[in-house]
Protein backbone atom coordinates (compact mmCIF):
# COMPACT_ATOMS: atom_id res chain seq x y z
CA MET A 1 -7.30 12.42 -15.36
CA SER A 2 -4.05 12.08 -13.36
CA ASP A 3 -3.65 9.14 -10.84
CA PRO A 4 -1.20 10.58 -8.37
CA GLN A 5 -1.19 7.28 -6.52
CA PRO A 6 -1.50 4.13 -8.76
CA PRO A 7 -3.17 1.03 -7.31
CA LYS A 8 -1.16 -1.39 -5.38
CA SER A 9 0.13 -4.34 -7.88
CA PHE A 10 -2.27 -7.17 -6.64
CA GLN A 11 -5.67 -7.04 -8.37
CA GLY A 12 -8.09 -5.71 -5.61
CA VAL A 13 -11.48 -4.95 -6.00
CA MET A 14 -13.33 -2.33 -3.64
CA VAL A 15 -16.79 -3.01 -2.67
CA SER A 16 -18.63 -0.03 -1.94
CA SER A 17 -22.24 0.26 -0.77
CA THR A 18 -24.51 0.93 2.22
CA PHE A 19 -24.02 -1.95 4.76
CA THR A 20 -26.94 -3.29 7.00
CA ASP A 21 -29.51 -3.00 3.92
CA LEU A 22 -27.20 -4.91 1.40
CA VAL A 23 -25.59 -7.65 3.36
CA GLU A 24 -26.57 -10.24 0.82
CA HIS A 25 -25.78 -8.25 -1.98
CA ARG A 26 -22.31 -7.42 -0.61
CA GLN A 27 -21.58 -11.23 -0.23
CA ALA A 28 -22.64 -11.79 -3.83
CA VAL A 29 -20.18 -9.02 -4.97
CA ILE A 30 -17.32 -10.62 -2.61
CA ASN A 31 -18.13 -14.09 -3.74
CA ALA A 32 -18.12 -13.17 -7.40
CA ILE A 33 -14.60 -11.16 -7.15
CA LYS A 34 -13.08 -14.18 -5.11
CA GLY A 35 -14.60 -16.33 -7.66
CA GLN A 36 -12.40 -14.56 -10.50
CA GLY A 37 -8.96 -15.02 -8.12
CA LEU A 38 -9.09 -11.30 -7.34
CA ALA A 39 -8.89 -9.77 -3.96
CA ASP A 40 -11.96 -8.09 -2.24
CA ILE A 41 -11.43 -4.69 -0.54
CA ALA A 42 -14.35 -4.32 1.80
CA MET A 43 -15.16 -3.33 5.15
CA GLU A 44 -15.91 -6.86 5.98
CA ASN A 45 -12.18 -7.29 5.83
CA ASP A 46 -11.50 -4.39 8.22
CA GLY A 47 -11.86 -5.00 12.09
CA ALA A 48 -13.69 -2.55 14.12
CA ARG A 49 -11.12 -0.05 15.88
CA ALA A 50 -11.85 3.05 17.72
CA ASP A 51 -8.91 5.18 16.51
CA VAL A 52 -9.67 4.84 12.60
CA ASP A 53 -10.81 7.80 10.90
CA VAL A 54 -13.59 6.32 8.81
CA ILE A 55 -12.99 8.82 5.95
CA ARG A 56 -9.35 8.23 5.46
CA SER A 57 -9.67 4.53 5.63
CA SER A 58 -12.48 4.28 3.22
CA LEU A 59 -10.64 6.42 0.84
CA GLU A 60 -7.51 4.47 1.30
CA MET A 61 -9.20 1.33 0.28
CA VAL A 62 -10.13 3.00 -3.16
CA ARG A 63 -6.86 4.05 -3.45
CA ASP A 64 -5.35 0.67 -2.95
CA CYS A 65 -7.87 -1.18 -5.39
CA THR A 66 -7.46 -1.46 -8.94
CA ALA A 67 -11.22 -1.59 -9.79
CA TYR A 68 -14.34 -0.34 -7.82
CA VAL A 69 -17.68 -2.18 -7.47
CA GLY A 70 -20.46 0.18 -6.37
CA VAL A 71 -24.02 -0.92 -5.39
CA ILE A 72 -26.63 2.01 -4.78
CA SER A 73 -29.81 0.87 -2.83
CA HIS A 74 -32.85 3.04 -1.45
CA LYS A 75 -30.68 4.30 1.43
CA TYR A 76 -27.90 7.00 1.46
CA GLY A 77 -25.59 5.48 4.13
CA GLN A 78 -23.41 6.74 6.77
CA THR A 79 -22.50 10.27 6.61
CA PRO A 80 -19.54 11.42 8.58
CA ILE A 81 -19.56 14.90 9.92
CA CYS A 82 -15.99 16.56 9.21
CA PRO A 83 -15.73 19.87 8.08
CA ASN A 84 -12.24 19.35 6.21
CA GLN A 85 -12.61 16.15 4.70
CA ASN A 86 -16.59 15.90 4.02
CA PRO A 87 -17.72 19.75 3.78
CA ASP A 88 -20.45 18.68 1.43
CA GLY A 89 -21.76 15.98 4.03
CA LEU A 90 -21.39 13.33 1.54
CA SER A 91 -22.16 9.44 2.16
CA LEU A 92 -19.12 7.23 2.38
CA THR A 93 -20.55 5.37 -0.66
CA GLU A 94 -20.67 8.64 -2.56
CA LEU A 95 -17.09 9.99 -1.23
CA GLU A 96 -15.71 6.39 -2.42
CA PHE A 97 -17.32 6.55 -5.92
CA ASN A 98 -15.88 10.08 -6.33
CA GLU A 99 -12.56 8.69 -5.37
CA ALA A 100 -12.60 5.89 -7.70
CA PHE A 101 -13.83 8.23 -10.42
CA ARG A 102 -11.22 10.85 -9.68
CA LEU A 103 -8.24 8.23 -9.84
CA GLY A 104 -9.66 6.52 -13.25
CA ARG A 105 -10.57 3.22 -11.48
CA PRO A 106 -12.61 1.07 -13.57
CA ILE A 107 -16.12 1.35 -12.08
CA LEU A 108 -19.01 -1.72 -12.21
CA LEU A 109 -22.03 0.10 -11.14
CA PHE A 110 -25.14 -1.49 -9.76
CA ILE A 111 -28.64 0.57 -9.04
CA MET A 112 -31.22 -1.11 -7.10
CA GLY A 113 -34.32 -0.83 -9.23
CA GLU A 114 -37.84 0.54 -7.90
CA GLY A 115 -39.28 -3.24 -8.43
CA HIS A 116 -36.93 -4.80 -5.64
CA ALA A 117 -38.75 -5.67 -2.55
CA VAL A 118 -37.22 -3.68 0.45
CA PRO A 119 -38.47 -3.52 3.73
CA PRO A 120 -39.65 0.15 4.87
CA ARG A 121 -36.65 0.55 7.20
CA ASP A 122 -34.29 0.31 4.22
CA PHE A 123 -35.88 3.31 2.40
CA GLU A 124 -34.13 6.93 3.09
CA GLN A 125 -36.79 8.75 5.28
CA ASP A 126 -34.95 12.18 5.80
CA PRO A 127 -36.15 14.32 2.88
CA ASP A 128 -32.77 15.94 2.45
CA ARG A 129 -30.81 12.72 2.48
CA LYS A 130 -33.42 11.45 -0.03
CA LEU A 131 -32.64 14.43 -2.30
CA LYS A 132 -29.00 13.67 -1.82
CA LEU A 133 -29.42 9.97 -2.81
CA ASP A 134 -31.41 10.62 -5.74
CA ALA A 135 -28.83 13.35 -7.15
CA PHE A 136 -25.87 10.75 -6.32
CA ARG A 137 -27.98 7.79 -8.32
CA GLU A 138 -28.45 9.98 -11.29
CA ARG A 139 -24.86 11.59 -11.36
CA ALA A 140 -23.26 8.12 -10.73
CA LYS A 141 -24.77 7.19 -14.22
CA GLN A 142 -22.98 9.77 -15.95
CA MET A 143 -19.52 9.61 -17.38
CA ARG A 144 -18.54 12.98 -16.33
CA GLN A 145 -20.65 15.66 -14.67
CA GLY A 146 -22.83 17.28 -17.07
CA SER A 147 -22.35 14.69 -19.70
CA GLN A 148 -24.95 13.14 -21.71
CA VAL A 149 -23.20 9.75 -22.09
CA GLU A 150 -24.25 7.33 -19.45
CA ARG A 151 -21.61 5.04 -17.52
CA VAL A 152 -22.36 1.46 -18.08
CA TYR A 153 -24.50 0.37 -15.15
CA GLU A 154 -27.11 -2.55 -14.37
CA VAL A 155 -30.48 -2.02 -12.63
CA PHE A 156 -31.65 -5.10 -10.60
CA ASN A 157 -34.81 -5.59 -9.11
CA ASN A 158 -34.15 -8.81 -7.19
CA LEU A 159 -31.21 -10.47 -5.55
CA GLU A 160 -30.98 -13.22 -8.06
CA GLU A 161 -30.95 -10.80 -10.89
CA PHE A 162 -28.12 -9.11 -8.83
CA ARG A 163 -26.09 -12.03 -8.58
CA VAL A 164 -26.21 -13.13 -12.18
CA ALA A 165 -25.41 -9.52 -13.30
CA VAL A 166 -22.47 -9.11 -10.85
CA THR A 167 -20.78 -12.54 -11.41
CA GLN A 168 -21.10 -11.53 -15.31
CA ALA A 169 -19.59 -8.29 -14.94
CA VAL A 170 -16.78 -9.27 -12.61
CA GLY A 171 -15.94 -12.05 -15.08
CA LYS A 172 -15.76 -9.30 -17.82
CA LEU A 173 -13.58 -7.21 -15.38
CA LYS A 174 -11.20 -9.86 -14.73
CA ARG A 175 -10.59 -10.20 -18.55
CA PHE A 176 -10.16 -6.58 -18.79
CA LEU A 177 -7.83 -6.35 -15.75
CA ASP A 178 -5.68 -9.23 -17.34
CA GLU A 179 -5.09 -7.60 -20.74
């Protein structure tokens, strides 16, 4: 896998997920990243601007990172319509994951389990988007498309379980980045 654009020299970790349904989870990831002395690269740090191309901005954040943390819940997420940049109609989270994978960034992946309490509004309701979400969840677990080898990922069933898992994983990531 070639990396045409190496990450910037600082140790920044991209936080990628849906937003409104994972506010506390995202904060747990950001706290774990900061707790290891790493920089969090997240939409929370990006001020709202009308002139920003959301796809370009998201992918630029991935290119700037040295590692990627993805959290996949029960929602597919924002899907920008752009025939040139997003011809398959993928969510921003899936586009970011694809870019991190393409660039060979270390990936920490957390998948919300079926036992996690979730309000009905935070489940994907659209059948087509639900199919995309299910396919993304399964594909994200694989090291490469069609591979039988699974990526190391963590399934979590509550917020406290998630906090522990993300703190441990980011600690291991920090040691890996320092080597």
